[in-house]
N, C-alpha and C. Protein backbone atom coordinates (compact mmCIF):
# COMPACT_ATOMS: atom_id res chain seq x y z
N MET A 1 18.68 29.30 53.03
CA MET A 1 19.61 28.74 52.05
C MET A 1 18.84 28.04 50.93
N ASN A 2 19.43 28.05 49.73
CA ASN A 2 18.79 27.33 48.64
C ASN A 2 19.23 25.87 48.65
N ASP A 3 18.69 25.08 47.71
CA ASP A 3 18.98 23.65 47.69
C ASP A 3 20.46 23.36 47.49
N ALA A 4 21.10 24.15 46.61
CA ALA A 4 22.50 23.90 46.33
C ALA A 4 23.35 24.14 47.56
N GLN A 5 23.02 25.18 48.37
CA GLN A 5 23.78 25.47 49.57
C GLN A 5 23.60 24.39 50.62
N HIS A 6 22.45 23.74 50.62
CA HIS A 6 22.21 22.64 51.56
C HIS A 6 22.94 21.38 51.15
N GLY A 7 23.40 21.32 49.89
CA GLY A 7 24.14 20.14 49.43
C GLY A 7 23.25 19.03 48.91
N TYR A 8 22.00 19.33 48.61
CA TYR A 8 21.14 18.33 48.01
C TYR A 8 20.25 19.03 46.99
N TRP A 9 19.62 18.25 46.12
CA TRP A 9 18.73 18.88 45.13
C TRP A 9 17.34 18.33 45.33
N SER A 10 16.35 19.21 45.20
CA SER A 10 14.97 18.84 45.44
C SER A 10 14.31 18.37 44.14
N ARG A 11 13.19 17.70 44.31
CA ARG A 11 12.42 17.26 43.13
C ARG A 11 12.00 18.46 42.31
N ARG A 12 11.63 19.57 42.98
CA ARG A 12 11.21 20.77 42.26
C ARG A 12 12.34 21.32 41.41
N ARG A 13 13.54 21.41 42.00
CA ARG A 13 14.70 21.93 41.25
C ARG A 13 15.04 21.01 40.09
N PHE A 14 15.00 19.71 40.33
CA PHE A 14 15.34 18.77 39.27
C PHE A 14 14.35 18.88 38.11
N LEU A 15 13.06 18.91 38.41
CA LEU A 15 12.05 18.98 37.36
C LEU A 15 12.14 20.30 36.61
N ALA A 16 12.47 21.38 37.33
CA ALA A 16 12.60 22.68 36.68
C ALA A 16 13.75 22.66 35.68
N GLY A 17 14.86 22.07 36.10
CA GLY A 17 16.00 21.99 35.20
C GLY A 17 15.72 21.11 34.00
N MET A 18 15.03 20.00 34.23
CA MET A 18 14.72 19.10 33.14
C MET A 18 13.70 19.72 32.18
N ALA A 19 12.72 20.46 32.73
CA ALA A 19 11.70 21.07 31.89
C ALA A 19 12.31 22.08 30.93
N ALA A 20 13.34 22.75 31.39
CA ALA A 20 13.98 23.78 30.56
C ALA A 20 14.75 23.19 29.40
N THR A 21 15.05 21.89 29.49
CA THR A 21 15.90 21.28 28.46
C THR A 21 15.32 19.97 27.94
N THR A 22 14.02 19.78 28.04
CA THR A 22 13.40 18.52 27.62
C THR A 22 13.70 18.20 26.16
N ALA A 23 13.55 19.20 25.31
CA ALA A 23 13.76 18.98 23.88
C ALA A 23 15.19 18.54 23.61
N ALA A 24 16.12 19.12 24.32
CA ALA A 24 17.54 18.80 24.08
C ALA A 24 17.88 17.40 24.57
N LEU A 25 17.16 16.90 25.58
CA LEU A 25 17.49 15.60 26.16
C LEU A 25 16.74 14.43 25.53
N ILE A 26 15.75 14.73 24.65
CA ILE A 26 15.01 13.65 24.01
C ILE A 26 15.98 12.79 23.20
N GLY A 27 15.97 11.53 23.47
CA GLY A 27 16.84 10.62 22.73
C GLY A 27 18.25 10.51 23.28
N THR A 28 18.55 11.17 24.41
CA THR A 28 19.90 11.11 24.96
C THR A 28 20.29 9.67 25.30
N ALA A 29 19.39 8.97 25.96
CA ALA A 29 19.70 7.59 26.30
C ALA A 29 19.96 6.77 25.05
N GLY A 30 19.21 7.05 23.98
CA GLY A 30 19.43 6.33 22.73
C GLY A 30 20.80 6.60 22.15
N VAL A 31 21.26 7.84 22.27
CA VAL A 31 22.59 8.18 21.76
C VAL A 31 23.66 7.38 22.48
N PHE A 32 23.57 7.30 23.82
CA PHE A 32 24.56 6.56 24.59
C PHE A 32 24.43 5.07 24.35
N ALA A 33 23.20 4.58 24.16
CA ALA A 33 23.01 3.16 23.88
C ALA A 33 23.64 2.79 22.55
N ARG A 34 23.46 3.64 21.54
CA ARG A 34 24.05 3.36 20.23
C ARG A 34 25.57 3.36 20.31
N GLU A 35 26.11 4.20 21.17
CA GLU A 35 27.57 4.26 21.28
C GLU A 35 28.13 2.99 21.88
N VAL A 36 27.36 2.35 22.77
CA VAL A 36 27.81 1.10 23.37
C VAL A 36 27.87 0.00 22.31
N ASN A 37 26.92 0.01 21.38
CA ASN A 37 26.80 -1.07 20.42
C ASN A 37 27.43 -0.77 19.06
N ALA A 38 28.11 0.36 18.94
CA ALA A 38 28.72 0.71 17.67
C ALA A 38 30.04 1.41 17.91
N ASN A 39 30.83 1.49 16.90
CA ASN A 39 32.11 2.18 16.98
C ASN A 39 31.95 3.53 16.28
N PRO A 40 31.69 4.61 17.03
CA PRO A 40 31.37 5.90 16.42
C PRO A 40 32.56 6.45 15.64
N LEU A 41 32.23 7.22 14.58
CA LEU A 41 33.26 7.80 13.74
C LEU A 41 33.86 9.05 14.37
N SER A 42 33.11 9.71 15.22
CA SER A 42 33.59 10.93 15.85
C SER A 42 34.78 10.65 16.74
N GLU A 43 35.73 11.58 16.72
CA GLU A 43 36.91 11.41 17.57
C GLU A 43 36.57 11.56 19.04
N THR A 44 35.55 12.35 19.34
CA THR A 44 35.15 12.56 20.73
C THR A 44 33.64 12.35 20.86
N PRO A 45 33.20 11.11 20.90
CA PRO A 45 31.78 10.82 21.12
C PRO A 45 31.36 11.21 22.53
N PRO A 46 30.06 11.26 22.81
CA PRO A 46 29.57 11.76 24.10
C PRO A 46 30.18 11.10 25.33
N VAL A 47 30.31 9.77 25.31
CA VAL A 47 30.87 9.10 26.49
C VAL A 47 32.31 9.54 26.73
N ARG A 48 33.12 9.58 25.66
CA ARG A 48 34.52 9.99 25.81
C ARG A 48 34.62 11.46 26.23
N ASP A 49 33.75 12.32 25.68
CA ASP A 49 33.72 13.72 26.11
C ASP A 49 33.45 13.82 27.61
N THR A 50 32.52 13.01 28.08
CA THR A 50 32.19 13.02 29.51
C THR A 50 33.38 12.57 30.35
N ILE A 51 34.03 11.50 29.93
CA ILE A 51 35.20 11.00 30.64
C ILE A 51 36.29 12.07 30.69
N ASN A 52 36.52 12.74 29.56
CA ASN A 52 37.51 13.81 29.54
C ASN A 52 37.11 14.96 30.45
N GLY A 53 35.81 15.24 30.52
CA GLY A 53 35.34 16.28 31.42
C GLY A 53 35.61 15.94 32.87
N VAL A 54 35.48 14.66 33.22
CA VAL A 54 35.78 14.20 34.58
C VAL A 54 37.27 14.32 34.87
N LEU A 55 38.11 13.88 33.93
CA LEU A 55 39.55 13.94 34.13
C LEU A 55 40.03 15.39 34.28
N ALA A 56 39.46 16.29 33.49
CA ALA A 56 39.82 17.71 33.60
C ALA A 56 39.40 18.28 34.94
N PHE A 57 38.26 17.83 35.44
CA PHE A 57 37.78 18.30 36.74
C PHE A 57 38.71 17.87 37.87
N VAL A 58 39.14 16.62 37.83
CA VAL A 58 39.96 16.07 38.91
C VAL A 58 41.41 16.56 38.81
N VAL A 59 41.97 16.56 37.60
CA VAL A 59 43.36 16.99 37.39
C VAL A 59 43.41 17.96 36.21
N PRO A 60 43.14 19.24 36.43
CA PRO A 60 43.16 20.22 35.34
C PRO A 60 44.53 20.30 34.67
N GLY A 61 44.52 20.57 33.37
CA GLY A 61 45.77 20.71 32.62
C GLY A 61 45.65 21.81 31.59
N ASN A 62 46.38 21.69 30.50
CA ASN A 62 46.36 22.72 29.46
C ASN A 62 45.51 22.30 28.26
N ASP A 63 44.60 21.37 28.47
CA ASP A 63 43.76 20.83 27.41
C ASP A 63 42.48 21.65 27.25
N PRO A 64 41.76 21.48 26.14
CA PRO A 64 40.52 22.24 25.89
C PRO A 64 39.44 22.02 26.95
N TYR A 65 39.37 20.83 27.51
CA TYR A 65 38.35 20.54 28.52
C TYR A 65 38.60 21.34 29.80
N SER A 66 39.85 21.48 30.17
CA SER A 66 40.19 22.27 31.35
C SER A 66 39.91 23.75 31.10
N HIS A 67 40.25 24.22 29.91
CA HIS A 67 39.98 25.63 29.58
C HIS A 67 38.48 25.91 29.58
N GLN A 68 37.69 24.97 29.06
CA GLN A 68 36.25 25.15 29.01
C GLN A 68 35.66 25.29 30.40
N GLN A 69 36.17 24.55 31.38
CA GLN A 69 35.63 24.61 32.74
C GLN A 69 36.12 25.83 33.52
N GLY A 70 37.07 26.57 32.95
CA GLY A 70 37.55 27.78 33.61
C GLY A 70 38.61 27.54 34.65
N MET A 71 39.15 26.34 34.71
CA MET A 71 40.25 26.02 35.62
C MET A 71 41.25 25.15 34.87
N TRP A 72 42.43 25.70 34.63
CA TRP A 72 43.44 24.99 33.85
C TRP A 72 44.83 25.35 34.35
N THR A 73 45.83 24.66 33.83
CA THR A 73 47.22 24.93 34.16
C THR A 73 48.00 25.09 32.85
N ASP A 74 49.28 25.34 32.96
CA ASP A 74 50.10 25.51 31.76
C ASP A 74 50.85 24.23 31.38
N ARG A 75 50.45 23.10 31.94
CA ARG A 75 51.11 21.84 31.62
C ARG A 75 50.06 20.75 31.47
N PRO A 76 50.41 19.60 30.86
CA PRO A 76 49.44 18.52 30.70
C PRO A 76 48.85 18.08 32.04
N GLY A 77 47.59 17.66 31.99
CA GLY A 77 46.90 17.18 33.19
C GLY A 77 46.30 15.81 32.96
N GLY A 78 45.11 15.61 33.47
CA GLY A 78 44.49 14.29 33.41
C GLY A 78 44.01 13.88 32.04
N VAL A 79 43.74 14.84 31.16
CA VAL A 79 43.17 14.52 29.86
C VAL A 79 44.24 14.11 28.86
N THR A 80 44.35 12.82 28.62
CA THR A 80 45.16 12.29 27.51
C THR A 80 44.33 11.17 26.88
N VAL A 81 44.66 10.82 25.67
CA VAL A 81 43.89 9.78 24.97
C VAL A 81 43.91 8.47 25.73
N GLU A 82 45.10 8.04 26.15
CA GLU A 82 45.21 6.74 26.81
C GLU A 82 44.62 6.76 28.22
N THR A 83 44.71 7.89 28.90
CA THR A 83 44.12 7.98 30.24
C THR A 83 42.60 7.88 30.16
N ALA A 84 42.02 8.55 29.18
CA ALA A 84 40.57 8.48 28.99
C ALA A 84 40.13 7.06 28.65
N LYS A 85 40.89 6.40 27.77
CA LYS A 85 40.57 5.01 27.43
C LYS A 85 40.63 4.13 28.67
N SER A 86 41.64 4.34 29.49
CA SER A 86 41.81 3.52 30.69
C SER A 86 40.66 3.71 31.67
N LEU A 87 40.27 4.96 31.90
CA LEU A 87 39.18 5.22 32.85
C LEU A 87 37.87 4.66 32.31
N GLU A 88 37.62 4.84 31.03
CA GLU A 88 36.40 4.30 30.42
C GLU A 88 36.37 2.77 30.53
N ARG A 89 37.50 2.15 30.26
CA ARG A 89 37.61 0.69 30.35
C ARG A 89 37.40 0.22 31.79
N THR A 90 37.95 0.96 32.75
CA THR A 90 37.81 0.60 34.16
C THR A 90 36.35 0.66 34.59
N LEU A 91 35.64 1.70 34.19
CA LEU A 91 34.22 1.82 34.54
C LEU A 91 33.40 0.71 33.91
N ASP A 92 33.74 0.35 32.67
CA ASP A 92 33.03 -0.74 32.00
C ASP A 92 33.25 -2.07 32.72
N GLN A 93 34.49 -2.32 33.15
CA GLN A 93 34.81 -3.58 33.80
C GLN A 93 34.31 -3.62 35.24
N ALA A 94 34.27 -2.46 35.90
CA ALA A 94 33.83 -2.41 37.29
C ALA A 94 32.32 -2.55 37.42
N SER A 95 31.59 -2.13 36.39
CA SER A 95 30.12 -2.21 36.45
C SER A 95 29.57 -2.67 35.11
N PRO A 96 29.77 -3.94 34.79
CA PRO A 96 29.33 -4.47 33.49
C PRO A 96 27.82 -4.70 33.41
N VAL A 97 27.11 -4.58 34.52
CA VAL A 97 25.67 -4.81 34.52
C VAL A 97 24.94 -3.47 34.35
N PRO A 98 23.69 -3.50 33.85
CA PRO A 98 22.92 -2.26 33.71
C PRO A 98 22.80 -1.53 35.05
N LEU A 99 23.01 -0.21 35.02
CA LEU A 99 23.00 0.58 36.26
C LEU A 99 21.77 1.46 36.40
N LEU A 100 21.11 1.80 35.28
CA LEU A 100 20.04 2.79 35.34
C LEU A 100 18.66 2.26 34.97
N GLY A 101 18.55 0.99 34.60
CA GLY A 101 17.24 0.42 34.32
C GLY A 101 16.79 0.60 32.88
N PRO A 102 15.66 -0.03 32.51
CA PRO A 102 15.15 -0.01 31.14
C PRO A 102 14.86 1.38 30.61
N ALA A 103 14.39 2.29 31.48
CA ALA A 103 14.04 3.64 31.03
C ALA A 103 15.25 4.37 30.45
N ALA A 104 16.44 3.99 30.87
CA ALA A 104 17.66 4.63 30.38
C ALA A 104 18.43 3.71 29.44
N GLY A 105 17.75 2.73 28.88
CA GLY A 105 18.38 1.87 27.89
C GLY A 105 19.22 0.74 28.46
N ASN A 106 19.06 0.46 29.77
CA ASN A 106 19.83 -0.63 30.41
C ASN A 106 21.33 -0.48 30.16
N LEU A 107 21.81 0.74 30.24
CA LEU A 107 23.23 0.99 29.95
C LEU A 107 24.13 0.54 31.10
N PRO A 108 25.24 -0.08 30.78
CA PRO A 108 26.22 -0.47 31.81
C PRO A 108 27.39 0.50 31.84
N GLY A 109 28.26 0.33 32.80
CA GLY A 109 29.57 0.96 32.84
C GLY A 109 29.65 2.43 32.52
N ALA A 110 30.65 2.78 31.69
CA ALA A 110 30.95 4.17 31.38
C ALA A 110 29.78 4.89 30.72
N ALA A 111 29.02 4.19 29.88
CA ALA A 111 27.89 4.82 29.20
C ALA A 111 26.81 5.23 30.21
N ALA A 112 26.54 4.37 31.19
CA ALA A 112 25.55 4.71 32.22
C ALA A 112 26.02 5.88 33.07
N ILE A 113 27.28 5.87 33.46
CA ILE A 113 27.83 6.96 34.26
C ILE A 113 27.79 8.27 33.47
N ALA A 114 28.12 8.19 32.17
CA ALA A 114 28.10 9.38 31.33
C ALA A 114 26.69 9.96 31.23
N LEU A 115 25.70 9.09 31.03
CA LEU A 115 24.32 9.55 30.93
C LEU A 115 23.89 10.21 32.24
N LEU A 116 24.26 9.62 33.36
CA LEU A 116 23.90 10.18 34.65
C LEU A 116 24.55 11.55 34.86
N LEU A 117 25.86 11.65 34.58
CA LEU A 117 26.57 12.92 34.75
C LEU A 117 26.00 14.00 33.84
N ASN A 118 25.63 13.63 32.63
CA ASN A 118 25.09 14.63 31.70
C ASN A 118 23.69 15.07 32.07
N THR A 119 22.87 14.15 32.57
CA THR A 119 21.52 14.51 33.00
C THR A 119 21.59 15.47 34.18
N PHE A 120 22.43 15.18 35.16
CA PHE A 120 22.61 16.07 36.29
C PHE A 120 23.30 17.36 35.85
N GLY A 121 24.18 17.25 34.86
CA GLY A 121 24.87 18.43 34.36
C GLY A 121 23.91 19.43 33.73
N VAL A 122 22.94 18.94 32.96
CA VAL A 122 21.94 19.81 32.35
C VAL A 122 21.09 20.46 33.43
N THR A 123 20.82 19.73 34.49
CA THR A 123 20.06 20.28 35.61
C THR A 123 20.85 21.40 36.29
N ALA A 124 22.16 21.22 36.42
CA ALA A 124 22.99 22.24 37.05
C ALA A 124 23.07 23.49 36.20
N ASP A 125 23.13 23.31 34.88
CA ASP A 125 23.21 24.46 33.97
C ASP A 125 22.62 24.07 32.62
N PRO A 126 21.36 24.45 32.36
CA PRO A 126 20.71 24.09 31.10
C PRO A 126 21.49 24.56 29.86
N ARG A 127 22.31 25.59 30.01
CA ARG A 127 23.08 26.10 28.87
C ARG A 127 24.16 25.12 28.41
N SER A 128 24.42 24.09 29.22
CA SER A 128 25.49 23.15 28.89
C SER A 128 25.15 22.26 27.69
N VAL A 129 23.89 22.27 27.24
CA VAL A 129 23.54 21.47 26.07
C VAL A 129 24.15 22.05 24.80
N SER A 130 24.54 23.31 24.86
CA SER A 130 25.21 23.93 23.72
C SER A 130 26.61 24.35 24.14
N GLY A 131 27.59 23.89 23.42
CA GLY A 131 28.97 24.19 23.77
C GLY A 131 29.89 23.47 22.82
N PRO A 132 31.18 23.54 23.05
CA PRO A 132 32.15 22.92 22.13
C PRO A 132 32.18 21.40 22.16
N PHE A 133 31.60 20.80 23.21
CA PHE A 133 31.68 19.35 23.36
C PHE A 133 30.30 18.71 23.25
N ALA A 134 30.27 17.45 22.83
CA ALA A 134 29.01 16.74 22.64
C ALA A 134 28.31 16.45 23.96
N ALA A 135 29.09 16.32 25.04
CA ALA A 135 28.53 15.99 26.35
C ALA A 135 28.31 17.26 27.17
N PRO A 136 27.08 17.50 27.66
CA PRO A 136 26.83 18.68 28.49
C PRO A 136 27.77 18.78 29.69
N PHE A 137 28.09 17.64 30.32
CA PHE A 137 28.97 17.69 31.50
C PHE A 137 30.30 18.32 31.17
N ALA A 138 30.83 18.02 29.99
CA ALA A 138 32.14 18.57 29.59
C ALA A 138 32.07 20.07 29.32
N ASN A 139 30.87 20.60 29.11
CA ASN A 139 30.71 22.03 28.85
C ASN A 139 30.52 22.84 30.13
N LEU A 140 30.40 22.18 31.27
CA LEU A 140 30.15 22.87 32.54
C LEU A 140 31.40 23.57 33.07
N SER A 141 31.17 24.55 33.93
CA SER A 141 32.27 25.17 34.67
C SER A 141 32.76 24.20 35.74
N HIS A 142 33.93 24.44 36.27
CA HIS A 142 34.47 23.57 37.32
C HIS A 142 33.54 23.56 38.53
N ALA A 143 33.00 24.70 38.89
CA ALA A 143 32.10 24.78 40.04
C ALA A 143 30.82 24.00 39.79
N ALA A 144 30.29 24.06 38.57
CA ALA A 144 29.06 23.32 38.24
C ALA A 144 29.32 21.81 38.27
N LYS A 145 30.50 21.39 37.82
CA LYS A 145 30.85 19.96 37.90
C LYS A 145 30.90 19.52 39.37
N ALA A 146 31.47 20.36 40.21
CA ALA A 146 31.52 20.03 41.65
C ALA A 146 30.11 19.90 42.21
N GLN A 147 29.20 20.76 41.74
CA GLN A 147 27.81 20.68 42.20
C GLN A 147 27.17 19.37 41.78
N VAL A 148 27.45 18.94 40.56
CA VAL A 148 26.92 17.66 40.06
C VAL A 148 27.38 16.51 40.96
N PHE A 149 28.66 16.47 41.28
CA PHE A 149 29.16 15.39 42.12
C PHE A 149 28.59 15.47 43.54
N GLU A 150 28.35 16.68 44.02
CA GLU A 150 27.74 16.81 45.35
C GLU A 150 26.31 16.28 45.35
N TRP A 151 25.56 16.61 44.30
CA TRP A 151 24.20 16.08 44.19
C TRP A 151 24.20 14.56 44.12
N LEU A 152 25.08 14.02 43.29
CA LEU A 152 25.15 12.56 43.16
C LEU A 152 25.52 11.91 44.49
N ASP A 153 26.41 12.54 45.23
CA ASP A 153 26.87 11.98 46.50
C ASP A 153 25.79 12.01 47.57
N THR A 154 24.86 12.95 47.47
CA THR A 154 23.86 13.11 48.53
C THR A 154 22.45 12.71 48.10
N ASP A 155 22.29 12.18 46.91
CA ASP A 155 20.97 11.78 46.44
C ASP A 155 20.50 10.55 47.21
N PRO A 156 19.42 10.66 47.99
CA PRO A 156 18.97 9.53 48.82
C PRO A 156 18.46 8.34 48.01
N ARG A 157 18.12 8.56 46.74
CA ARG A 157 17.59 7.46 45.93
C ARG A 157 18.67 6.43 45.58
N PHE A 158 19.94 6.81 45.72
CA PHE A 158 21.02 5.89 45.37
C PHE A 158 21.49 5.03 46.54
N GLU A 159 21.00 5.33 47.74
CA GLU A 159 21.45 4.59 48.91
C GLU A 159 21.17 3.10 48.77
N GLY A 160 22.17 2.28 49.07
CA GLY A 160 22.01 0.84 49.03
C GLY A 160 22.13 0.24 47.65
N LEU A 161 22.35 1.06 46.63
CA LEU A 161 22.46 0.56 45.27
C LEU A 161 23.93 0.48 44.83
N VAL A 162 24.20 -0.41 43.89
CA VAL A 162 25.55 -0.49 43.33
C VAL A 162 25.95 0.85 42.74
N LEU A 163 24.97 1.55 42.17
CA LEU A 163 25.23 2.84 41.55
C LEU A 163 25.88 3.82 42.52
N LYS A 164 25.49 3.75 43.80
CA LYS A 164 26.04 4.65 44.81
C LYS A 164 27.55 4.47 44.93
N PHE A 165 28.00 3.22 44.96
CA PHE A 165 29.43 2.94 45.10
C PHE A 165 30.19 3.33 43.84
N VAL A 166 29.57 3.10 42.69
CA VAL A 166 30.22 3.46 41.43
C VAL A 166 30.39 4.96 41.33
N VAL A 167 29.33 5.71 41.64
CA VAL A 167 29.38 7.17 41.58
C VAL A 167 30.44 7.72 42.52
N ASN A 168 30.50 7.18 43.73
CA ASN A 168 31.48 7.66 44.71
C ASN A 168 32.91 7.38 44.26
N ALA A 169 33.09 6.36 43.43
CA ALA A 169 34.44 5.97 43.01
C ALA A 169 34.95 6.77 41.81
N ILE A 170 34.08 7.49 41.13
CA ILE A 170 34.49 8.17 39.89
C ILE A 170 35.68 9.10 40.08
N PRO A 171 35.65 10.06 41.03
CA PRO A 171 36.81 10.95 41.18
C PRO A 171 38.07 10.20 41.58
N THR A 172 37.93 9.19 42.43
CA THR A 172 39.10 8.42 42.86
C THR A 172 39.73 7.68 41.69
N LEU A 173 38.90 7.02 40.88
CA LEU A 173 39.40 6.29 39.73
C LEU A 173 40.03 7.24 38.71
N ALA A 174 39.44 8.43 38.56
CA ALA A 174 40.00 9.41 37.63
C ALA A 174 41.38 9.87 38.09
N ALA A 175 41.53 10.14 39.38
CA ALA A 175 42.82 10.56 39.91
C ALA A 175 43.85 9.45 39.77
N PHE A 176 43.44 8.22 40.04
CA PHE A 176 44.35 7.08 39.91
C PHE A 176 44.85 6.96 38.47
N ALA A 177 43.93 7.09 37.51
CA ALA A 177 44.32 6.99 36.10
C ALA A 177 45.25 8.12 35.70
N ALA A 178 44.94 9.33 36.15
CA ALA A 178 45.73 10.50 35.77
C ALA A 178 47.16 10.43 36.28
N PHE A 179 47.36 9.89 37.49
CA PHE A 179 48.69 9.85 38.07
C PHE A 179 49.41 8.52 37.84
N SER A 180 48.80 7.65 37.06
CA SER A 180 49.42 6.36 36.77
C SER A 180 50.25 6.46 35.49
N GLU A 181 50.71 5.31 34.98
CA GLU A 181 51.54 5.28 33.78
C GLU A 181 50.73 5.11 32.49
N VAL A 182 49.39 5.07 32.59
CA VAL A 182 48.60 4.69 31.41
C VAL A 182 48.74 5.66 30.25
N SER A 183 49.10 6.92 30.50
CA SER A 183 49.22 7.89 29.41
C SER A 183 50.34 7.53 28.45
N ALA A 184 51.29 6.70 28.90
CA ALA A 184 52.42 6.30 28.05
C ALA A 184 52.68 4.80 28.16
N TYR A 185 51.62 4.04 28.38
CA TYR A 185 51.78 2.60 28.59
C TYR A 185 51.26 1.83 27.38
N ASP A 186 52.07 0.96 26.84
CA ASP A 186 51.68 0.11 25.73
C ASP A 186 51.13 -1.20 26.30
N ARG A 187 49.82 -1.40 26.20
CA ARG A 187 49.19 -2.57 26.79
C ARG A 187 49.60 -3.86 26.09
N ALA A 188 49.84 -3.77 24.78
CA ALA A 188 50.22 -4.97 24.04
C ALA A 188 51.63 -5.43 24.42
N ARG A 189 52.55 -4.48 24.53
CA ARG A 189 53.93 -4.81 24.86
C ARG A 189 54.16 -4.85 26.37
N ARG A 190 53.20 -4.33 27.13
CA ARG A 190 53.28 -4.30 28.59
C ARG A 190 54.52 -3.55 29.07
N GLU A 191 54.70 -2.37 28.50
CA GLU A 191 55.84 -1.56 28.91
C GLU A 191 55.55 -0.08 28.69
N VAL A 192 56.25 0.76 29.45
CA VAL A 192 56.12 2.21 29.31
C VAL A 192 56.95 2.65 28.11
N THR A 193 56.33 3.42 27.21
CA THR A 193 56.98 3.82 25.97
C THR A 193 57.51 5.25 26.01
N GLY A 194 57.29 5.95 27.08
CA GLY A 194 57.75 7.33 27.22
C GLY A 194 57.57 7.77 28.66
N ARG A 195 57.69 9.05 28.90
CA ARG A 195 57.51 9.55 30.26
C ARG A 195 56.04 9.90 30.48
N PRO A 196 55.35 9.16 31.36
CA PRO A 196 53.92 9.40 31.60
C PRO A 196 53.66 10.78 32.21
N VAL A 197 52.49 11.31 31.91
CA VAL A 197 52.09 12.60 32.47
C VAL A 197 52.06 12.53 34.00
N GLY A 198 51.62 11.40 34.52
CA GLY A 198 51.55 11.24 35.98
C GLY A 198 52.90 11.41 36.65
N TRP A 199 53.96 10.99 35.99
CA TRP A 199 55.30 11.16 36.55
C TRP A 199 55.67 12.63 36.62
N GLU A 200 55.29 13.38 35.58
CA GLU A 200 55.57 14.81 35.58
C GLU A 200 54.78 15.53 36.67
N LEU A 201 53.51 15.16 36.80
CA LEU A 201 52.65 15.80 37.79
C LEU A 201 53.15 15.56 39.21
N SER A 202 53.65 14.35 39.47
CA SER A 202 54.13 13.99 40.81
C SER A 202 55.63 14.23 40.99
N ARG A 203 56.29 14.69 39.91
CA ARG A 203 57.74 14.92 39.93
C ARG A 203 58.52 13.65 40.28
N TYR A 204 58.03 12.56 39.77
CA TYR A 204 58.67 11.27 39.98
C TYR A 204 59.87 11.16 39.05
N ALA A 205 61.01 10.79 39.59
CA ALA A 205 62.24 10.71 38.80
C ALA A 205 62.27 9.51 37.87
N GLY A 206 61.42 8.54 38.11
CA GLY A 206 61.40 7.35 37.27
C GLY A 206 62.05 6.17 37.97
N PRO A 207 61.94 4.99 37.38
CA PRO A 207 62.51 3.78 38.01
C PRO A 207 64.04 3.86 38.05
N SER A 208 64.60 3.15 39.03
CA SER A 208 66.05 3.16 39.20
C SER A 208 66.53 1.78 39.61
N ASP A 209 67.75 1.43 39.20
CA ASP A 209 68.36 0.16 39.58
C ASP A 209 69.17 0.29 40.86
N GLY A 210 69.13 1.46 41.45
CA GLY A 210 69.87 1.67 42.69
C GLY A 210 70.68 2.96 42.65
N TRP A 211 71.22 3.35 43.79
CA TRP A 211 72.00 4.58 43.89
C TRP A 211 73.40 4.26 44.42
N ASP A 212 74.39 4.94 43.88
CA ASP A 212 75.77 4.67 44.26
C ASP A 212 76.00 4.80 45.76
N GLU A 213 75.34 5.79 46.38
CA GLU A 213 75.59 6.02 47.80
C GLU A 213 75.06 4.91 48.70
N PHE A 214 74.25 4.01 48.14
CA PHE A 214 73.72 2.91 48.94
C PHE A 214 74.44 1.59 48.66
N LEU A 215 75.50 1.63 47.86
CA LEU A 215 76.26 0.42 47.59
C LEU A 215 77.17 0.09 48.77
N GLY A 216 77.32 -1.19 49.09
CA GLY A 216 78.18 -1.58 50.20
C GLY A 216 77.54 -1.32 51.54
N TYR A 217 78.38 -1.16 52.58
CA TYR A 217 77.90 -0.97 53.93
C TYR A 217 78.41 0.36 54.48
N TYR A 218 77.81 0.80 55.51
CA TYR A 218 78.17 2.08 56.11
C TYR A 218 79.58 2.06 56.68
N GLY A 219 80.31 3.19 56.48
CA GLY A 219 81.64 3.35 57.06
C GLY A 219 82.71 2.54 56.38
N GLY A 220 82.49 2.14 55.12
CA GLY A 220 83.51 1.40 54.40
C GLY A 220 83.51 -0.09 54.67
N ILE A 221 82.67 -0.56 55.54
CA ILE A 221 82.57 -2.01 55.83
C ILE A 221 81.89 -2.69 54.67
N ASP A 222 82.54 -3.68 54.07
CA ASP A 222 81.95 -4.34 52.91
C ASP A 222 81.58 -5.79 53.15
N GLU A 223 81.78 -6.27 54.38
CA GLU A 223 81.32 -7.62 54.70
C GLU A 223 81.14 -7.73 56.20
N VAL A 224 80.27 -8.65 56.56
CA VAL A 224 79.95 -8.86 57.98
C VAL A 224 79.96 -10.36 58.25
N GLU A 225 80.64 -10.74 59.32
CA GLU A 225 80.66 -12.14 59.71
C GLU A 225 79.63 -12.40 60.79
N GLY A 226 78.87 -13.50 60.63
CA GLY A 226 77.82 -13.82 61.59
C GLY A 226 78.35 -14.51 62.84
């Protein structure tokens, strides 16, 4: 069996993948570091592209990210503007300290996770550096994304580190965001402004003040004496 079939990646495989794309990855950490400290003009900067790639992987929909990975549906899925913002904000708040060290720009939160996913993504498929999205991870096939998460889950270098727990939580947090109300939630007003995508995905009928058939007591009894 090869390394991928064993569920882990070897130093040889990692170095081979990195060697094939060294030129493309020069300055990657700098790009993510600049995004943390600036408000980019692009509608889909690398970190947001990566987050959208994760959401499409966990809950495919009819968005461009799902189509790019080769697994999509005919209805909205995890990728919405507000869902991506929520997941990015959650990762930033859950891991506000640097996760990857000085060599990677001391990046915290979503930026560090994005850099890690993209570095492993290029290793999984060097062709991912060229595609419709700024982040290589978002350009991967669904199967290649699964391989990236498997490598991250089984990498022995992460054992005992905060990074291990953060990496393991990424798919769970993405699913939670996708099926929550954040796609139609106004944070300033603290209220739902429309029907969230998560409600459609789960076929949730929405909040209710009660049902007529549960009014009163069973059998026409409307009061009980103690």
